[in-house]
């Protein structure tokens, strides 16, 4: 019987496997999300400037709400754009 290393695959066998999503705020113990740190908040915004949903970022509900509030405050103060073409 051939082992897994001996079998040649036509495509990558790891394509269908997904990594477990986790809340980075819980993992690293981040308690406060600073609205003045626009570079950090850009991780949670897509290239058009829209806030990414929880199912993509992996944030917990509590921290997703805080991220959304921080992004909206940064937008209000002019630190982040409301709408952008290829923001990143």
PDB file of N, CA and C in Angstrom:
ATOM      1  N   UNK A   1       0.851  -1.190   0.000  1.00  0.00           N
ATOM      2  CA  UNK A   1       0.000   0.000   0.000  1.00  0.00           C
ATOM      3  C   UNK A   1       0.887   1.239   0.000  1.00  0.00           C
ATOM      4  N   UNK A   2       0.605   2.174  -0.862  1.00  0.00           N
ATOM      5  CA  UNK A   2       1.399   3.393  -0.960  1.00  0.00           C
ATOM      6  C   UNK A   2       1.033   4.354   0.165  1.00  0.00           C
ATOM      7  N   UNK A   3       2.052   5.008   0.697  1.00  0.00           N
ATOM      8  CA  UNK A   3       1.796   5.998   1.742  1.00  0.00           C
ATOM      9  C   UNK A   3       1.372   7.311   1.090  1.00  0.00           C
ATOM     10  N   UNK A   4       0.962   8.249   1.893  1.00  0.00           N
ATOM     11  CA  UNK A   4       0.480   9.523   1.390  1.00  0.00           C
ATOM     12  C   UNK A   4       1.595  10.285   0.666  1.00  0.00           C
ATOM     13  N   UNK A   5       2.847  10.101   1.095  1.00  0.00           N
ATOM     14  CA  UNK A   5       3.964  10.801   0.461  1.00  0.00           C
ATOM     15  C   UNK A   5       4.248  10.266  -0.938  1.00  0.00           C
ATOM     16  N   UNK A   6       3.898   9.007  -1.198  1.00  0.00           N
ATOM     17  CA  UNK A   6       4.173   8.404  -2.495  1.00  0.00           C
ATOM     18  C   UNK A   6       3.135   8.778  -3.551  1.00  0.00           C
ATOM     19  N   UNK A   7       1.966   9.219  -3.120  1.00  0.00           N
ATOM     20  CA  UNK A   7       0.885   9.521  -4.052  1.00  0.00           C
ATOM     21  C   UNK A   7       1.105  10.899  -4.651  1.00  0.00           C
ATOM     22  N   UNK A   8       1.012  10.998  -5.945  1.00  0.00           N
ATOM     23  CA  UNK A   8       1.139  12.275  -6.643  1.00  0.00           C
ATOM     24  C   UNK A   8      -0.262  12.819  -6.915  1.00  0.00           C
ATOM     25  N   UNK A   9      -0.522  14.020  -6.441  1.00  0.00           N
ATOM     26  CA  UNK A   9      -1.827  14.645  -6.609  1.00  0.00           C
ATOM     27  C   UNK A   9      -1.801  15.579  -7.810  1.00  0.00           C
ATOM     28  N   UNK A  10      -2.912  15.638  -8.522  1.00  0.00           N
ATOM     29  CA  UNK A  10      -3.030  16.579  -9.627  1.00  0.00           C
ATOM     30  C   UNK A  10      -3.225  18.004  -9.119  1.00  0.00           C
ATOM     31  N   UNK A  11      -3.831  18.143  -7.958  1.00  0.00           N
ATOM     32  CA  UNK A  11      -4.006  19.456  -7.359  1.00  0.00           C
ATOM     33  C   UNK A  11      -3.579  19.379  -5.892  1.00  0.00           C
ATOM     34  N   UNK A  12      -3.457  20.502  -5.286  1.00  0.00           N
ATOM     35  CA  UNK A  12      -3.035  20.575  -3.897  1.00  0.00           C
ATOM     36  C   UNK A  12      -4.123  19.967  -2.998  1.00  0.00           C
ATOM     37  N   UNK A  13      -3.794  18.950  -2.177  1.00  0.00           N
ATOM     38  CA  UNK A  13      -4.826  18.337  -1.324  1.00  0.00           C
ATOM     39  C   UNK A  13      -5.270  19.235  -0.176  1.00  0.00           C
ATOM     40  N   UNK A  14      -4.564  20.315   0.086  1.00  0.00           N
ATOM     41  CA  UNK A  14      -4.922  21.205   1.190  1.00  0.00           C
ATOM     42  C   UNK A  14      -5.839  22.345   0.762  1.00  0.00           C
ATOM     43  N   UNK A  15      -6.317  22.329  -0.471  1.00  0.00           N
ATOM     44  CA  UNK A  15      -7.145  23.419  -0.971  1.00  0.00           C
ATOM     45  C   UNK A  15      -8.464  23.515  -0.202  1.00  0.00           C
ATOM     46  N   UNK A  16      -9.101  22.409   0.079  1.00  0.00           N
ATOM     47  CA  UNK A  16     -10.396  22.438   0.748  1.00  0.00           C
ATOM     48  C   UNK A  16     -10.309  22.658   2.241  1.00  0.00           C
ATOM     49  N   UNK A  17      -9.151  22.449   2.852  1.00  0.00           N
ATOM     50  CA  UNK A  17      -9.040  22.582   4.304  1.00  0.00           C
ATOM     51  C   UNK A  17      -8.929  24.048   4.685  1.00  0.00           C
ATOM     52  N   UNK A  18      -9.646  24.424   5.722  1.00  0.00           N
ATOM     53  CA  UNK A  18      -9.660  25.801   6.182  1.00  0.00           C
ATOM     54  C   UNK A  18      -9.047  25.879   7.568  1.00  0.00           C
ATOM     55  N   UNK A  19      -8.375  26.984   7.832  1.00  0.00           N
ATOM     56  CA  UNK A  19      -7.833  27.190   9.162  1.00  0.00           C
ATOM     57  C   UNK A  19      -8.948  27.694  10.075  1.00  0.00           C
ATOM     58  N   UNK A  20      -8.828  27.372  11.339  1.00  0.00           N
ATOM     59  CA  UNK A  20      -9.809  27.805  12.323  1.00  0.00           C
ATOM     60  C   UNK A  20      -9.687  29.304  12.535  1.00  0.00           C
ATOM     61  N   UNK A  21     -10.791  30.014  12.441  1.00  0.00           N
ATOM     62  CA  UNK A  21     -10.790  31.445  12.686  1.00  0.00           C
ATOM     63  C   UNK A  21     -10.783  31.675  14.193  1.00  0.00           C
ATOM     64  N   UNK A  22     -10.142  32.760  14.611  1.00  0.00           N
ATOM     65  CA  UNK A  22     -10.084  33.072  16.030  1.00  0.00           C
ATOM     66  C   UNK A  22     -10.179  34.583  16.198  1.00  0.00           C
ATOM     67  N   UNK A  23     -10.567  34.979  17.375  1.00  0.00           N
ATOM     68  CA  UNK A  23     -10.651  36.396  17.694  1.00  0.00           C
ATOM     69  C   UNK A  23      -9.275  36.845  18.170  1.00  0.00           C
ATOM     70  N   UNK A  24      -8.619  37.683  17.390  1.00  0.00           N
ATOM     71  CA  UNK A  24      -7.255  38.107  17.743  1.00  0.00           C
ATOM     72  C   UNK A  24      -7.238  38.954  19.005  1.00  0.00           C
ATOM     73  N   UNK A  25      -8.348  39.598  19.328  1.00  0.00           N
ATOM     74  CA  UNK A  25      -8.396  40.429  20.529  1.00  0.00           C
ATOM     75  C   UNK A  25      -8.417  39.570  21.787  1.00  0.00           C
ATOM     76  N   UNK A  26      -9.157  38.467  21.749  1.00  0.00           N
ATOM     77  CA  UNK A  26      -9.167  37.555  22.894  1.00  0.00           C
ATOM     78  C   UNK A  26      -7.836  36.827  23.023  1.00  0.00           C
ATOM     79  N   UNK A  27      -7.268  36.422  21.881  1.00  0.00           N
ATOM     80  CA  UNK A  27      -6.028  35.654  21.900  1.00  0.00           C
ATOM     81  C   UNK A  27      -4.870  36.459  22.474  1.00  0.00           C
ATOM     82  N   UNK A  28      -4.758  37.726  22.077  1.00  0.00           N
ATOM     83  CA  UNK A  28      -3.636  38.545  22.516  1.00  0.00           C
ATOM     84  C   UNK A  28      -3.972  39.451  23.692  1.00  0.00           C
ATOM     85  N   UNK A  29      -5.190  39.361  24.199  1.00  0.00           N
ATOM     86  CA  UNK A  29      -5.567  40.120  25.393  1.00  0.00           C
ATOM     87  C   UNK A  29      -5.711  41.615  25.161  1.00  0.00           C
ATOM     88  N   UNK A  30      -6.137  42.014  23.972  1.00  0.00           N
ATOM     89  CA  UNK A  30      -6.330  43.432  23.670  1.00  0.00           C
ATOM     90  C   UNK A  30      -7.675  43.858  24.248  1.00  0.00           C
ATOM     91  N   UNK A  31      -7.651  44.826  25.142  1.00  0.00           N
ATOM     92  CA  UNK A  31      -8.884  45.276  25.794  1.00  0.00           C
ATOM     93  C   UNK A  31      -9.475  46.508  25.119  1.00  0.00           C
ATOM     94  N   UNK A  32      -8.607  47.405  24.627  1.00  0.00           N
ATOM     95  CA  UNK A  32      -9.077  48.680  24.085  1.00  0.00           C
ATOM     96  C   UNK A  32      -8.662  48.799  22.621  1.00  0.00           C
ATOM     97  N   UNK A  33      -9.595  49.178  21.786  1.00  0.00           N
ATOM     98  CA  UNK A  33      -9.316  49.395  20.368  1.00  0.00           C
ATOM     99  C   UNK A  33      -9.263  50.899  20.149  1.00  0.00           C
ATOM    100  N   UNK A  34      -8.078  51.392  19.788  1.00  0.00           N
ATOM    101  CA  UNK A  34      -7.855  52.826  19.666  1.00  0.00           C
ATOM    102  C   UNK A  34      -8.313  53.322  18.297  1.00  0.00           C
ATOM    103  N   UNK A  35      -9.225  54.264  18.282  1.00  0.00           N
ATOM    104  CA  UNK A  35      -9.736  54.790  17.015  1.00  0.00           C
ATOM    105  C   UNK A  35      -8.709  55.683  16.330  1.00  0.00           C
ATOM    106  N   UNK A  36      -7.675  56.120  17.053  1.00  0.00           N
ATOM    107  CA  UNK A  36      -6.644  56.977  16.466  1.00  0.00           C
ATOM    108  C   UNK A  36      -5.580  56.191  15.711  1.00  0.00           C
ATOM    109  N   UNK A  37      -5.586  54.859  15.847  1.00  0.00           N
ATOM    110  CA  UNK A  37      -4.609  54.015  15.165  1.00  0.00           C
ATOM    111  C   UNK A  37      -5.209  53.533  13.846  1.00  0.00           C
ATOM    112  N   UNK A  38      -5.130  54.374  12.821  1.00  0.00           N
ATOM    113  CA  UNK A  38      -5.770  54.075  11.538  1.00  0.00           C
ATOM    114  C   UNK A  38      -5.097  52.908  10.819  1.00  0.00           C
ATOM    115  N   UNK A  39      -3.789  52.731  11.014  1.00  0.00           N
ATOM    116  CA  UNK A  39      -3.087  51.623  10.346  1.00  0.00           C
ATOM    117  C   UNK A  39      -3.603  50.268  10.833  1.00  0.00           C
ATOM    118  N   UNK A  40      -3.889  50.159  12.121  1.00  0.00           N
ATOM    119  CA  UNK A  40      -4.431  48.915  12.671  1.00  0.00           C
ATOM    120  C   UNK A  40      -5.858  48.686  12.176  1.00  0.00           C
ATOM    121  N   UNK A  41      -6.631  49.745  12.102  1.00  0.00           N
ATOM    122  CA  UNK A  41      -8.034  49.615  11.686  1.00  0.00           C
ATOM    123  C   UNK A  41      -8.168  49.272  10.209  1.00  0.00           C
ATOM    124  N   UNK A  42      -7.142  49.547   9.410  1.00  0.00           N
ATOM    125  CA  UNK A  42      -7.193  49.218   7.987  1.00  0.00           C
ATOM    126  C   UNK A  42      -7.254  47.705   7.752  1.00  0.00           C
ATOM    127  N   UNK A  43      -6.857  46.904   8.741  1.00  0.00           N
ATOM    128  CA  UNK A  43      -6.932  45.449   8.614  1.00  0.00           C
ATOM    129  C   UNK A  43      -8.379  44.963   8.556  1.00  0.00           C
ATOM    130  N   UNK A  44      -9.301  45.765   9.066  1.00  0.00           N
ATOM    131  CA  UNK A  44     -10.703  45.372   9.157  1.00  0.00           C
ATOM    132  C   UNK A  44     -11.564  46.057   8.105  1.00  0.00           C
ATOM    133  N   UNK A  45     -10.914  46.615   7.081  1.00  0.00           N
ATOM    134  CA  UNK A  45     -11.612  47.334   6.025  1.00  0.00           C
ATOM    135  C   UNK A  45     -11.163  46.767   4.686  1.00  0.00           C
ATOM    136  N   UNK A  46     -12.084  46.585   3.748  1.00  0.00           N
ATOM    137  CA  UNK A  46     -11.707  46.080   2.426  1.00  0.00           C
ATOM    138  C   UNK A  46     -11.181  47.236   1.556  1.00  0.00           C
ATOM    139  N   UNK A  47     -10.654  46.953   0.363  1.00  0.00           N
ATOM    140  CA  UNK A  47     -10.072  48.027  -0.469  1.00  0.00           C
ATOM    141  C   UNK A  47     -11.041  49.146  -0.843  1.00  0.00           C
ATOM    142  N   UNK A  48     -12.339  48.883  -0.815  1.00  0.00           N
ATOM    143  CA  UNK A  48     -13.308  49.939  -1.113  1.00  0.00           C
ATOM    144  C   UNK A  48     -13.630  50.787   0.118  1.00  0.00           C
ATOM    145  N   UNK A  49     -13.169  50.378   1.294  1.00  0.00           N
ATOM    146  CA  UNK A  49     -13.409  51.138   2.513  1.00  0.00           C
ATOM    147  C   UNK A  49     -14.543  50.614   3.357  1.00  0.00           C
ATOM    148  N   UNK A  50     -15.103  49.453   2.998  1.00  0.00           N
ATOM    149  CA  UNK A  50     -16.212  48.892   3.772  1.00  0.00           C
ATOM    150  C   UNK A  50     -15.678  48.052   4.931  1.00  0.00           C
ATOM    151  N   UNK A  51     -16.419  48.026   6.027  1.00  0.00           N
ATOM    152  CA  UNK A  51     -16.035  47.234   7.194  1.00  0.00           C
ATOM    153  C   UNK A  51     -16.264  45.758   6.884  1.00  0.00           C
ATOM    154  N   UNK A  52     -15.252  44.932   7.148  1.00  0.00           N
ATOM    155  CA  UNK A  52     -15.365  43.496   6.889  1.00  0.00           C
ATOM    156  C   UNK A  52     -16.231  42.830   7.949  1.00  0.00           C
ATOM    157  N   UNK A  53     -17.050  41.840   7.580  1.00  0.00           N
ATOM    158  CA  UNK A  53     -17.917  41.171   8.547  1.00  0.00           C
ATOM    159  C   UNK A  53     -17.155  40.187   9.437  1.00  0.00           C
ATOM    160  N   UNK A  54     -17.823  39.765  10.485  1.00  0.00           N
ATOM    161  CA  UNK A  54     -17.247  38.825  11.446  1.00  0.00           C
ATOM    162  C   UNK A  54     -16.866  37.507  10.809  1.00  0.00           C
ATOM    163  N   UNK A  55     -17.654  37.044   9.880  1.00  0.00           N
ATOM    164  CA  UNK A  55     -17.384  35.736   9.288  1.00  0.00           C
ATOM    165  C   UNK A  55     -16.090  35.725   8.501  1.00  0.00           C
ATOM    166  N   UNK A  56     -15.601  36.885   8.106  1.00  0.00           N
ATOM    167  CA  UNK A  56     -14.323  36.972   7.402  1.00  0.00           C
ATOM    168  C   UNK A  56     -13.182  37.269   8.366  1.00  0.00           C
ATOM    169  N   UNK A  57     -13.374  38.222   9.288  1.00  0.00           N
ATOM    170  CA  UNK A  57     -12.292  38.594  10.198  1.00  0.00           C
ATOM    171  C   UNK A  57     -12.110  37.596  11.327  1.00  0.00           C
ATOM    172  N   UNK A  58     -13.178  36.935  11.756  1.00  0.00           N
ATOM    173  CA  UNK A  58     -13.076  35.982  12.856  1.00  0.00           C
ATOM    174  C   UNK A  58     -13.227  36.624  14.214  1.00  0.00           C
ATOM    175  N   UNK A  59     -13.561  37.897  14.275  1.00  0.00           N
ATOM    176  CA  UNK A  59     -13.723  38.582  15.560  1.00  0.00           C
ATOM    177  C   UNK A  59     -14.952  38.068  16.290  1.00  0.00           C
ATOM    178  N   UNK A  60     -14.906  38.166  17.619  1.00  0.00           N
ATOM    179  CA  UNK A  60     -16.094  37.856  18.393  1.00  0.00           C
ATOM    180  C   UNK A  60     -17.062  39.036  18.268  1.00  0.00           C
ATOM    181  N   UNK A  61     -18.295  38.817  18.652  1.00  0.00           N
ATOM    182  CA  UNK A  61     -19.327  39.847  18.505  1.00  0.00           C
ATOM    183  C   UNK A  61     -18.970  41.110  19.275  1.00  0.00           C
ATOM    184  N   UNK A  62     -18.487  40.929  20.484  1.00  0.00           N
ATOM    185  CA  UNK A  62     -18.132  42.062  21.351  1.00  0.00           C
ATOM    186  C   UNK A  62     -17.064  42.939  20.699  1.00  0.00           C
ATOM    187  N   UNK A  63     -16.027  42.330  20.175  1.00  0.00           N
ATOM    188  CA  UNK A  63     -14.928  43.098  19.593  1.00  0.00           C
ATOM    189  C   UNK A  63     -15.253  43.593  18.187  1.00  0.00           C
ATOM    190  N   UNK A  64     -16.112  42.890  17.470  1.00  0.00           N
ATOM    191  CA  UNK A  64     -16.529  43.391  16.154  1.00  0.00           C
ATOM    192  C   UNK A  64     -17.303  44.696  16.304  1.00  0.00           C
ATOM    193  N   UNK A  65     -18.120  44.784  17.337  1.00  0.00           N
ATOM    194  CA  UNK A  65     -18.853  46.030  17.593  1.00  0.00           C
ATOM    195  C   UNK A  65     -17.890  47.159  17.931  1.00  0.00           C
ATOM    196  N   UNK A  66     -16.873  46.848  18.745  1.00  0.00           N
ATOM    197  CA  UNK A  66     -15.893  47.862  19.116  1.00  0.00           C
ATOM    198  C   UNK A  66     -15.064  48.315  17.911  1.00  0.00           C
ATOM    199  N   UNK A  67     -14.712  47.370  17.044  1.00  0.00           N
ATOM    200  CA  UNK A  67     -13.960  47.706  15.834  1.00  0.00           C
ATOM    201  C   UNK A  67     -14.800  48.617  14.945  1.00  0.00           C
ATOM    202  N   UNK A  68     -16.072  48.281  14.770  1.00  0.00           N
ATOM    203  CA  UNK A  68     -16.952  49.092  13.932  1.00  0.00           C
ATOM    204  C   UNK A  68     -17.086  50.503  14.492  1.00  0.00           C
ATOM    205  N   UNK A  69     -17.223  50.616  15.798  1.00  0.00           N
ATOM    206  CA  UNK A  69     -17.330  51.934  16.424  1.00  0.00           C
ATOM    207  C   UNK A  69     -16.043  52.731  16.232  1.00  0.00           C
ATOM    208  N   UNK A  70     -14.896  52.075  16.395  1.00  0.00           N
ATOM    209  CA  UNK A  70     -13.615  52.757  16.238  1.00  0.00           C
ATOM    210  C   UNK A  70     -13.414  53.220  14.796  1.00  0.00           C
ATOM    211  N   UNK A  71     -13.801  52.396  13.835  1.00  0.00           N
ATOM    212  CA  UNK A  71     -13.675  52.784  12.426  1.00  0.00           C
ATOM    213  C   UNK A  71     -14.576  53.971  12.122  1.00  0.00           C
ATOM    214  N   UNK A  72     -15.788  53.959  12.646  1.00  0.00           N
ATOM    215  CA  UNK A  72     -16.717  55.061  12.399  1.00  0.00           C
ATOM    216  C   UNK A  72     -16.225  56.360  13.040  1.00  0.00           C
ATOM    217  N   UNK A  73     -15.604  56.262  14.215  1.00  0.00           N
ATOM    218  CA  UNK A  73     -15.045  57.458  14.858  1.00  0.00           C
ATOM    219  C   UNK A  73     -13.869  58.004  14.054  1.00  0.00           C
ATOM    220  N   UNK A  74     -13.019  57.091  13.568  1.00  0.00           N
ATOM    221  CA  UNK A  74     -11.867  57.519  12.765  1.00  0.00           C
ATOM    222  C   UNK A  74     -12.325  58.171  11.459  1.00  0.00           C
ATOM    223  N   UNK A  75     -13.381  57.652  10.878  1.00  0.00           N
ATOM    224  CA  UNK A  75     -13.929  58.254   9.660  1.00  0.00           C
ATOM    225  C   UNK A  75     -14.475  59.654   9.948  1.00  0.00           C
ATOM    226  N   UNK A  76     -15.157  59.779  11.068  1.00  0.00           N
ATOM    227  CA  UNK A  76     -15.757  61.065  11.428  1.00  0.00           C
ATOM    228  C   UNK A  76     -14.686  62.133  11.630  1.00  0.00           C
ATOM    229  N   UNK A  77     -13.542  61.745  12.191  1.00  0.00           N
ATOM    230  CA  UNK A  77     -12.453  62.685  12.433  1.00  0.00           C
ATOM    231  C   UNK A  77     -11.563  62.893  11.214  1.00  0.00           C
ATOM    232  N   UNK A  78     -11.815  62.139  10.149  1.00  0.00           N
ATOM    233  CA  UNK A  78     -11.048  62.316   8.928  1.00  0.00           C
ATOM    234  C   UNK A  78      -9.760  61.516   8.875  1.00  0.00           C
ATOM    235  N   UNK A  79      -9.580  60.575   9.784  1.00  0.00           N
ATOM    236  CA  UNK A  79      -8.371  59.747   9.779  1.00  0.00           C
ATOM    237  C   UNK A  79      -8.462  58.601   8.782  1.00  0.00           C
ATOM    238  N   UNK A  80      -9.693  58.209   8.468  1.00  0.00           N
ATOM    239  CA  UNK A  80      -9.940  57.153   7.487  1.00  0.00           C
ATOM    240  C   UNK A  80     -11.006  57.655   6.518  1.00  0.00           C
ATOM    241  N   UNK A  81     -10.929  57.249   5.258  1.00  0.00           N
ATOM    242  CA  UNK A  81     -11.951  57.695   4.299  1.00  0.00           C
ATOM    243  C   UNK A  81     -13.237  56.876   4.433  1.00  0.00           C
ATOM    244  N   UNK A  82     -14.353  57.499   4.103  1.00  0.00           N
ATOM    245  CA  UNK A  82     -15.628  56.774   4.056  1.00  0.00           C
ATOM    246  C   UNK A  82     -15.652  55.846   2.856  1.00  0.00           C
ATOM    247  N   UNK A  83     -15.227  56.346   1.713  1.00  0.00           N
ATOM    248  CA  UNK A  83     -15.210  55.590   0.472  1.00  0.00           C
ATOM    249  C   UNK A  83     -13.850  55.800  -0.171  1.00  0.00           C
ATOM    250  N   UNK A  84     -13.280  54.724  -0.729  1.00  0.00           N
ATOM    251  CA  UNK A  84     -11.961  54.869  -1.347  1.00  0.00           C
ATOM    252  C   UNK A  84     -11.848  53.921  -2.531  1.00  0.00           C
ATOM    253  N   UNK A  85     -11.031  54.293  -3.493  1.00  0.00           N
ATOM    254  CA  UNK A  85     -10.676  53.409  -4.585  1.00  0.00           C
ATOM    255  C   UNK A  85      -9.322  52.802  -4.268  1.00  0.00           C
ATOM    256  N   UNK A  86      -9.305  51.496  -4.080  1.00  0.00           N
ATOM    257  CA  UNK A  86      -8.065  50.778  -3.784  1.00  0.00           C
ATOM    258  C   UNK A  86      -7.328  51.423  -2.618  1.00  0.00           C
ATOM    259  N   UNK A  87      -7.953  51.338  -1.448  1.00  0.00           N
ATOM    260  CA  UNK A  87      -7.441  51.937  -0.229  1.00  0.00           C
ATOM    261  C   UNK A  87      -6.102  51.353   0.190  1.00  0.00           C
ATOM    262  N   UNK A  88      -5.958  50.037   0.036  1.00  0.00           N
ATOM    263  CA  UNK A  88      -4.731  49.387   0.512  1.00  0.00           C
ATOM    264  C   UNK A  88      -3.683  49.346  -0.561  1.00  0.00           C
TER     265      UNK A  88
END
